[in-house]
Amino acid sequence: MDKSMLGDLDSLPEEDKLRMSGMIDQLQIRDRRKSLDKQEETCVQRCAEKFLKHSMRVGMRFAELNQGTATPD
């Protein structure tokens, strides 16, 4: 996995992009001696997508609460 995969994250706030980039860098440094197989790569991608979706949802929820327009979930 490399930083070119972050191209789809342009809609995210800069803080989230930097955090994801840092996480990817840490994974690359830790696993430098071992490359990921296809199953591991898919797992990491799925996990990253879930994390980003959750972060976006939490951010949107906080924004709603700050505006006083909270919606029932």
C-alpha atoms as a PDB file:
ATOM      1  CA  MET A   1       0.000   0.000   0.000  1.00  0.00           C
ATOM      2  CA  ASP A   2       1.374   3.415  -0.845  1.00  0.00           C
ATOM      3  CA  LYS A   3       0.357   7.025  -0.505  1.00  0.00           C
ATOM      4  CA  SER A   4      -1.098   7.073  -4.026  1.00  0.00           C
ATOM      5  CA  MET A   5      -4.076   5.274  -2.493  1.00  0.00           C
ATOM      6  CA  LEU A   6      -4.825   8.445  -0.543  1.00  0.00           C
ATOM      7  CA  GLY A   7      -5.945  10.148  -3.754  1.00  0.00           C
ATOM      8  CA  ASP A   8      -9.565   9.176  -3.061  1.00  0.00           C
ATOM      9  CA  LEU A   9      -9.501  10.931   0.285  1.00  0.00           C
ATOM     10  CA  ASP A  10      -9.554  14.489  -1.058  1.00  0.00           C
ATOM     11  CA  SER A  11     -12.996  15.091   0.398  1.00  0.00           C
ATOM     12  CA  LEU A  12     -11.711  14.532   3.939  1.00  0.00           C
ATOM     13  CA  PRO A  13     -10.451  17.225   6.279  1.00  0.00           C
ATOM     14  CA  GLU A  14      -6.698  17.734   6.192  1.00  0.00           C
ATOM     15  CA  GLU A  15      -6.325  16.395   9.729  1.00  0.00           C
ATOM     16  CA  ASP A  16      -7.855  13.028   8.774  1.00  0.00           C
ATOM     17  CA  LYS A  17      -5.698  12.796   5.644  1.00  0.00           C
ATOM     18  CA  LEU A  18      -2.568  13.429   7.690  1.00  0.00           C
ATOM     19  CA  ARG A  19      -3.608  10.883  10.303  1.00  0.00           C
ATOM     20  CA  MET A  20      -4.262   8.201   7.666  1.00  0.00           C
ATOM     21  CA  SER A  21      -0.976   9.007   5.943  1.00  0.00           C
ATOM     22  CA  GLY A  22       0.825   8.626   9.272  1.00  0.00           C
ATOM     23  CA  MET A  23      -0.865   5.302   9.952  1.00  0.00           C
ATOM     24  CA  ILE A  24       0.132   4.017   6.516  1.00  0.00           C
ATOM     25  CA  ASP A  25       3.706   5.188   7.080  1.00  0.00           C
ATOM     26  CA  GLN A  26       3.820   3.352  10.419  1.00  0.00           C
ATOM     27  CA  LEU A  27       2.520   0.167   8.816  1.00  0.00           C
ATOM     28  CA  GLN A  28       5.082   0.428   6.039  1.00  0.00           C
ATOM     29  CA  ILE A  29       7.959   0.961   8.466  1.00  0.00           C
ATOM     30  CA  ARG A  30       6.820  -1.879  10.718  1.00  0.00           C
ATOM     31  CA  ASP A  31       6.262  -4.273   7.846  1.00  0.00           C
ATOM     32  CA  ARG A  32       9.087  -3.101   5.599  1.00  0.00           C
ATOM     33  CA  ARG A  33      10.757  -6.480   5.701  1.00  0.00           C
ATOM     34  CA  LYS A  34       7.513  -8.235   4.805  1.00  0.00           C
ATOM     35  CA  SER A  35       5.245  -7.313   1.949  1.00  0.00           C
ATOM     36  CA  LEU A  36       1.522  -7.801   2.367  1.00  0.00           C
ATOM     37  CA  ASP A  37      -0.221 -10.528   0.447  1.00  0.00           C
ATOM     38  CA  LYS A  38      -3.492  -9.801  -1.341  1.00  0.00           C
ATOM     39  CA  GLN A  39      -5.685 -10.897   1.579  1.00  0.00           C
ATOM     40  CA  GLU A  40      -3.788  -8.695   4.059  1.00  0.00           C
ATOM     41  CA  GLU A  41      -3.888  -5.746   1.672  1.00  0.00           C
ATOM     42  CA  THR A  42      -7.658  -6.141   1.313  1.00  0.00           C
ATOM     43  CA  CYS A  43      -8.032  -6.342   5.088  1.00  0.00           C
ATOM     44  CA  VAL A  44      -6.009  -3.163   5.635  1.00  0.00           C
ATOM     45  CA  GLN A  45      -7.950  -1.300   2.956  1.00  0.00           C
ATOM     46  CA  ARG A  46     -11.298  -2.388   4.422  1.00  0.00           C
ATOM     47  CA  CYS A  47     -10.199  -1.378   7.918  1.00  0.00           C
ATOM     48  CA  ALA A  48      -8.989   2.022   6.707  1.00  0.00           C
ATOM     49  CA  GLU A  49     -12.251   2.646   4.861  1.00  0.00           C
ATOM     50  CA  LYS A  50     -14.290   1.739   7.947  1.00  0.00           C
ATOM     51  CA  PHE A  51     -12.133   4.025  10.095  1.00  0.00           C
ATOM     52  CA  LEU A  52     -12.552   6.935   7.675  1.00  0.00           C
ATOM     53  CA  LYS A  53     -16.313   6.454   7.387  1.00  0.00           C
ATOM     54  CA  HIS A  54     -16.612   6.311  11.170  1.00  0.00           C
ATOM     55  CA  SER A  55     -14.462   9.428  11.601  1.00  0.00           C
ATOM     56  CA  MET A  56     -16.539  11.313   9.045  1.00  0.00           C
ATOM     57  CA  ARG A  57     -19.779  10.241  10.708  1.00  0.00           C
ATOM     58  CA  VAL A  58     -18.539  11.303  14.151  1.00  0.00           C
ATOM     59  CA  GLY A  59     -17.383  14.640  12.738  1.00  0.00           C
ATOM     60  CA  MET A  60     -20.739  15.228  11.071  1.00  0.00           C
ATOM     61  CA  ARG A  61     -22.556  14.333  14.266  1.00  0.00           C
ATOM     62  CA  PHE A  62     -20.466  16.761  16.313  1.00  0.00           C
ATOM     63  CA  ALA A  63     -21.117  19.462  13.713  1.00  0.00           C
ATOM     64  CA  GLU A  64     -24.874  18.815  13.993  1.00  0.00           C
ATOM     65  CA  LEU A  65     -24.720  18.981  17.763  1.00  0.00           C
ATOM     66  CA  ASN A  66     -22.720  22.207  17.662  1.00  0.00           C
ATOM     67  CA  GLN A  67     -25.299  23.761  15.345  1.00  0.00           C
ATOM     68  CA  GLY A  68     -28.161  22.558  17.503  1.00  0.00           C
ATOM     69  CA  THR A  69     -29.743  20.643  14.631  1.00  0.00           C
ATOM     70  CA  ALA A  70     -29.243  17.140  15.952  1.00  0.00           C
ATOM     71  CA  THR A  71     -31.123  14.461  14.056  1.00  0.00           C
ATOM     72  CA  PRO A  72     -32.403  11.286  15.693  1.00  0.00           C
ATOM     73  CA  ASP A  73     -30.436   8.156  14.760  1.00  0.00           C
END
